[in-house]
N, C-alpha and C. Protein backbone atom coordinates (compact mmCIF):
# COMPACT_ATOMS: atom_id res chain seq x y z
N MET A 1 124.24 37.04 76.16
CA MET A 1 125.36 38.06 76.39
C MET A 1 125.00 38.57 77.56
N LYS A 2 123.86 38.56 78.50
CA LYS A 2 123.86 39.04 79.29
C LYS A 2 124.61 38.76 80.77
N LEU A 3 125.06 37.65 80.72
CA LEU A 3 126.31 36.73 81.49
C LEU A 3 127.30 37.54 81.29
N LEU A 4 127.07 38.06 79.67
CA LEU A 4 129.35 38.29 79.56
C LEU A 4 128.83 40.31 80.10
N ILE A 5 127.91 40.63 80.04
CA ILE A 5 127.67 42.14 80.59
C ILE A 5 128.17 41.91 82.46
N GLU A 6 127.67 41.09 82.58
CA GLU A 6 127.90 40.88 84.49
C GLU A 6 128.97 40.44 84.40
N SER A 7 129.75 39.76 84.00
CA SER A 7 130.95 39.16 84.18
C SER A 7 132.14 40.35 83.81
N ILE A 8 131.68 41.34 83.02
CA ILE A 8 132.43 42.53 82.76
C ILE A 8 132.62 43.62 84.24
N VAL A 9 131.37 43.79 84.22
CA VAL A 9 131.49 45.20 85.15
C VAL A 9 131.58 44.01 86.78
N THR A 10 130.90 43.02 87.09
CA THR A 10 131.06 42.35 88.43
C THR A 10 132.22 43.01 89.20
N PRO A 11 133.97 42.70 88.29
CA PRO A 11 135.12 43.33 89.31
C PRO A 11 135.34 44.37 89.42
N LEU A 12 134.37 45.44 88.37
CA LEU A 12 134.62 47.09 88.75
C LEU A 12 134.28 47.23 89.85
N VAL A 13 132.65 46.90 90.23
CA VAL A 13 131.76 47.40 91.29
C VAL A 13 132.32 46.95 92.86
N ASP A 14 131.75 47.62 93.33
CA ASP A 14 131.60 47.27 95.19
C ASP A 14 130.37 46.51 95.79
N HIS A 15 129.37 46.95 94.54
CA HIS A 15 128.22 46.09 95.44
C HIS A 15 127.87 45.19 93.95
N PRO A 16 128.37 44.16 94.01
CA PRO A 16 127.71 43.49 93.01
C PRO A 16 126.40 42.74 93.01
N GLU A 17 126.12 42.79 93.72
CA GLU A 17 124.34 42.16 94.04
C GLU A 17 123.68 43.20 93.79
N ASP A 18 124.13 44.43 93.24
CA ASP A 18 123.23 45.28 92.66
C ASP A 18 122.79 45.02 91.50
N ILE A 19 124.07 44.65 90.56
CA ILE A 19 124.03 44.74 88.96
C ILE A 19 122.76 44.31 87.69
N VAL A 20 121.86 44.94 87.41
CA VAL A 20 120.47 44.03 86.82
C VAL A 20 120.90 44.70 85.24
N VAL A 21 120.90 43.68 84.58
CA VAL A 21 120.46 43.57 83.34
C VAL A 21 119.26 43.15 82.38
N ASN A 22 118.85 44.36 81.84
CA ASN A 22 117.31 43.97 81.35
C ASN A 22 117.34 43.86 79.64
N GLU A 23 116.89 43.07 79.18
CA GLU A 23 116.76 42.93 77.82
C GLU A 23 115.79 43.68 77.33
N ARG A 24 115.57 44.31 76.22
CA ARG A 24 114.69 44.52 75.25
C ARG A 24 114.88 44.60 73.93
N GLU A 25 114.31 43.57 73.26
CA GLU A 25 114.11 43.48 71.65
C GLU A 25 113.48 44.10 71.31
N GLU A 26 113.93 44.89 70.07
CA GLU A 26 112.76 45.57 69.41
C GLU A 26 112.86 45.20 67.50
N ASP A 27 112.46 45.60 66.51
CA ASP A 27 111.93 44.92 65.22
C ASP A 27 113.58 44.84 64.75
N ASN A 28 114.61 45.61 64.90
CA ASN A 28 115.91 45.64 64.18
C ASN A 28 117.05 46.00 65.31
N LYS A 29 116.39 46.08 66.55
CA LYS A 29 117.41 46.37 67.67
C LYS A 29 117.46 45.62 69.19
N ILE A 30 118.56 45.42 69.58
CA ILE A 30 118.31 44.64 70.73
C ILE A 30 118.88 45.44 71.95
N VAL A 31 118.46 46.05 73.01
CA VAL A 31 119.20 46.98 73.66
C VAL A 31 118.59 46.55 75.11
N TYR A 32 120.14 46.55 75.61
CA TYR A 32 120.28 46.10 77.11
C TYR A 32 121.07 47.41 78.13
N HIS A 33 119.71 47.36 79.39
CA HIS A 33 120.04 48.48 80.33
C HIS A 33 121.07 47.73 81.04
N LEU A 34 121.88 48.01 81.71
CA LEU A 34 122.60 47.94 82.70
C LEU A 34 122.55 48.92 83.83
N THR A 35 122.24 47.92 85.06
CA THR A 35 121.71 49.74 86.20
C THR A 35 122.85 48.38 87.66
N VAL A 36 123.36 49.77 88.08
CA VAL A 36 124.35 49.53 89.44
C VAL A 36 124.38 50.27 90.43
N ASN A 37 124.72 50.06 91.55
CA ASN A 37 124.23 50.84 92.48
C ASN A 37 124.64 52.33 92.42
N GLU A 38 124.18 53.20 92.99
CA GLU A 38 124.66 54.69 92.24
C GLU A 38 126.03 54.94 92.75
N ASN A 39 126.09 54.02 94.12
CA ASN A 39 127.73 54.51 94.01
C ASN A 39 128.61 54.34 93.16
N ASP A 40 128.42 52.94 91.97
CA ASP A 40 129.38 52.19 91.50
C ASP A 40 129.26 52.81 90.03
N VAL A 41 128.87 53.85 89.94
CA VAL A 41 128.42 54.82 88.25
C VAL A 41 129.50 55.20 87.94
N GLY A 42 130.12 55.86 88.48
CA GLY A 42 131.23 56.19 88.20
C GLY A 42 132.55 55.50 87.65
N LYS A 43 132.36 54.44 88.50
CA LYS A 43 133.76 53.22 88.37
C LYS A 43 133.15 52.43 87.04
N VAL A 44 131.79 52.09 86.68
CA VAL A 44 131.82 51.89 85.36
C VAL A 44 131.62 52.33 84.07
N ILE A 45 131.48 53.97 85.05
CA ILE A 45 131.38 54.86 83.46
C ILE A 45 132.85 55.36 83.18
N GLY A 46 133.91 55.09 84.22
CA GLY A 46 135.54 55.41 83.77
C GLY A 46 135.61 57.02 83.56
N LYS A 47 136.76 57.59 84.22
CA LYS A 47 137.09 58.67 82.89
C LYS A 47 136.99 59.19 81.68
N ASN A 48 135.97 60.29 81.37
CA ASN A 48 135.95 60.70 80.08
C ASN A 48 134.72 59.17 79.85
N GLY A 49 134.27 58.53 80.03
CA GLY A 49 133.90 57.52 79.74
C GLY A 49 134.82 56.46 79.12
N ARG A 50 135.95 56.47 79.60
CA ARG A 50 136.84 54.88 78.78
C ARG A 50 135.92 53.89 79.30
N ILE A 51 135.72 53.61 80.24
CA ILE A 51 135.62 52.26 80.49
C ILE A 51 134.21 51.79 79.93
N ALA A 52 133.42 52.82 79.75
CA ALA A 52 132.29 52.33 79.34
C ALA A 52 132.09 52.25 77.80
N LYS A 53 133.11 52.62 77.44
CA LYS A 53 133.35 52.70 75.46
C LYS A 53 133.77 51.57 75.11
N ALA A 54 134.99 51.36 76.44
CA ALA A 54 135.45 49.99 76.43
C ALA A 54 134.39 48.34 76.49
N ILE A 55 133.43 48.57 77.46
CA ILE A 55 132.64 47.68 77.51
C ILE A 55 131.66 47.73 76.42
N ARG A 56 131.22 48.60 75.86
CA ARG A 56 130.13 48.89 74.20
C ARG A 56 130.60 48.01 73.60
N THR A 57 132.14 48.45 73.35
CA THR A 57 132.64 47.94 72.46
C THR A 57 132.99 46.34 72.65
N ILE A 58 133.11 45.62 73.51
CA ILE A 58 132.97 44.15 73.31
C ILE A 58 131.98 43.66 73.61
N VAL A 59 130.90 44.57 73.69
CA VAL A 59 129.27 43.49 73.28
C VAL A 59 129.06 43.85 72.17
N TYR A 60 129.49 44.77 71.57
CA TYR A 60 129.23 45.07 70.59
C TYR A 60 129.54 43.70 69.26
N SER A 61 131.06 43.61 69.58
CA SER A 61 131.87 43.00 68.51
C SER A 61 131.35 41.46 68.86
N ALA A 62 130.91 41.02 70.30
CA ALA A 62 130.50 39.69 70.52
C ALA A 62 128.94 39.52 70.65
N ARG A 63 128.29 40.40 69.55
CA ARG A 63 126.60 40.09 69.20
C ARG A 63 126.41 38.58 68.40
N GLN A 64 125.39 38.29 68.43
CA GLN A 64 125.29 36.78 67.98
C GLN A 64 125.00 37.26 66.31
N GLU A 65 124.59 36.03 65.60
CA GLU A 65 124.91 36.08 64.25
C GLU A 65 123.28 36.22 64.01
N THR A 66 123.05 38.09 64.00
CA THR A 66 121.82 38.74 63.72
C THR A 66 121.92 39.53 62.96
N ASN A 67 120.60 40.17 62.18
CA ASN A 67 121.10 41.27 61.71
C ASN A 67 120.49 42.91 62.43
N LYS A 68 120.19 42.61 63.70
CA LYS A 68 119.86 43.03 64.68
C LYS A 68 121.09 44.12 65.25
N ARG A 69 121.07 45.16 65.19
CA ARG A 69 122.09 45.64 65.71
C ARG A 69 121.74 46.10 67.72
N VAL A 70 122.89 46.13 68.50
CA VAL A 70 123.35 45.55 69.61
C VAL A 70 123.45 47.19 70.73
N PHE A 71 122.55 47.39 71.15
CA PHE A 71 123.27 48.60 72.27
C PHE A 71 122.78 48.46 74.01
N LEU A 72 123.63 49.01 74.57
CA LEU A 72 124.33 48.91 75.88
C LEU A 72 124.14 50.17 76.69
N ASP A 73 122.89 50.78 77.40
CA ASP A 73 122.38 51.64 78.16
C ASP A 73 122.79 51.67 79.44
N ILE A 74 123.45 52.35 80.34
CA ILE A 74 123.88 52.59 81.23
C ILE A 74 123.52 53.29 82.15
N MET A 75 122.59 52.96 83.39
CA MET A 75 121.32 53.31 83.65
C MET A 75 122.32 54.04 85.51
């Protein structure tokens, strides 16, 4: 899942070396924290959050066959 998030975000940003994806697993959910360069945050979020919503939609639909919910936080 980390590779999927990185492969989606890398073409969007000017500083791909600053992309960091951290995973935190809890009892009933998995949370991915995406951190990018502060100059690239607007590019990842997009106007009115459209790009962020599209990224989340892809990540949510690509989740593995578990009963855990998947969340993506953009830091």
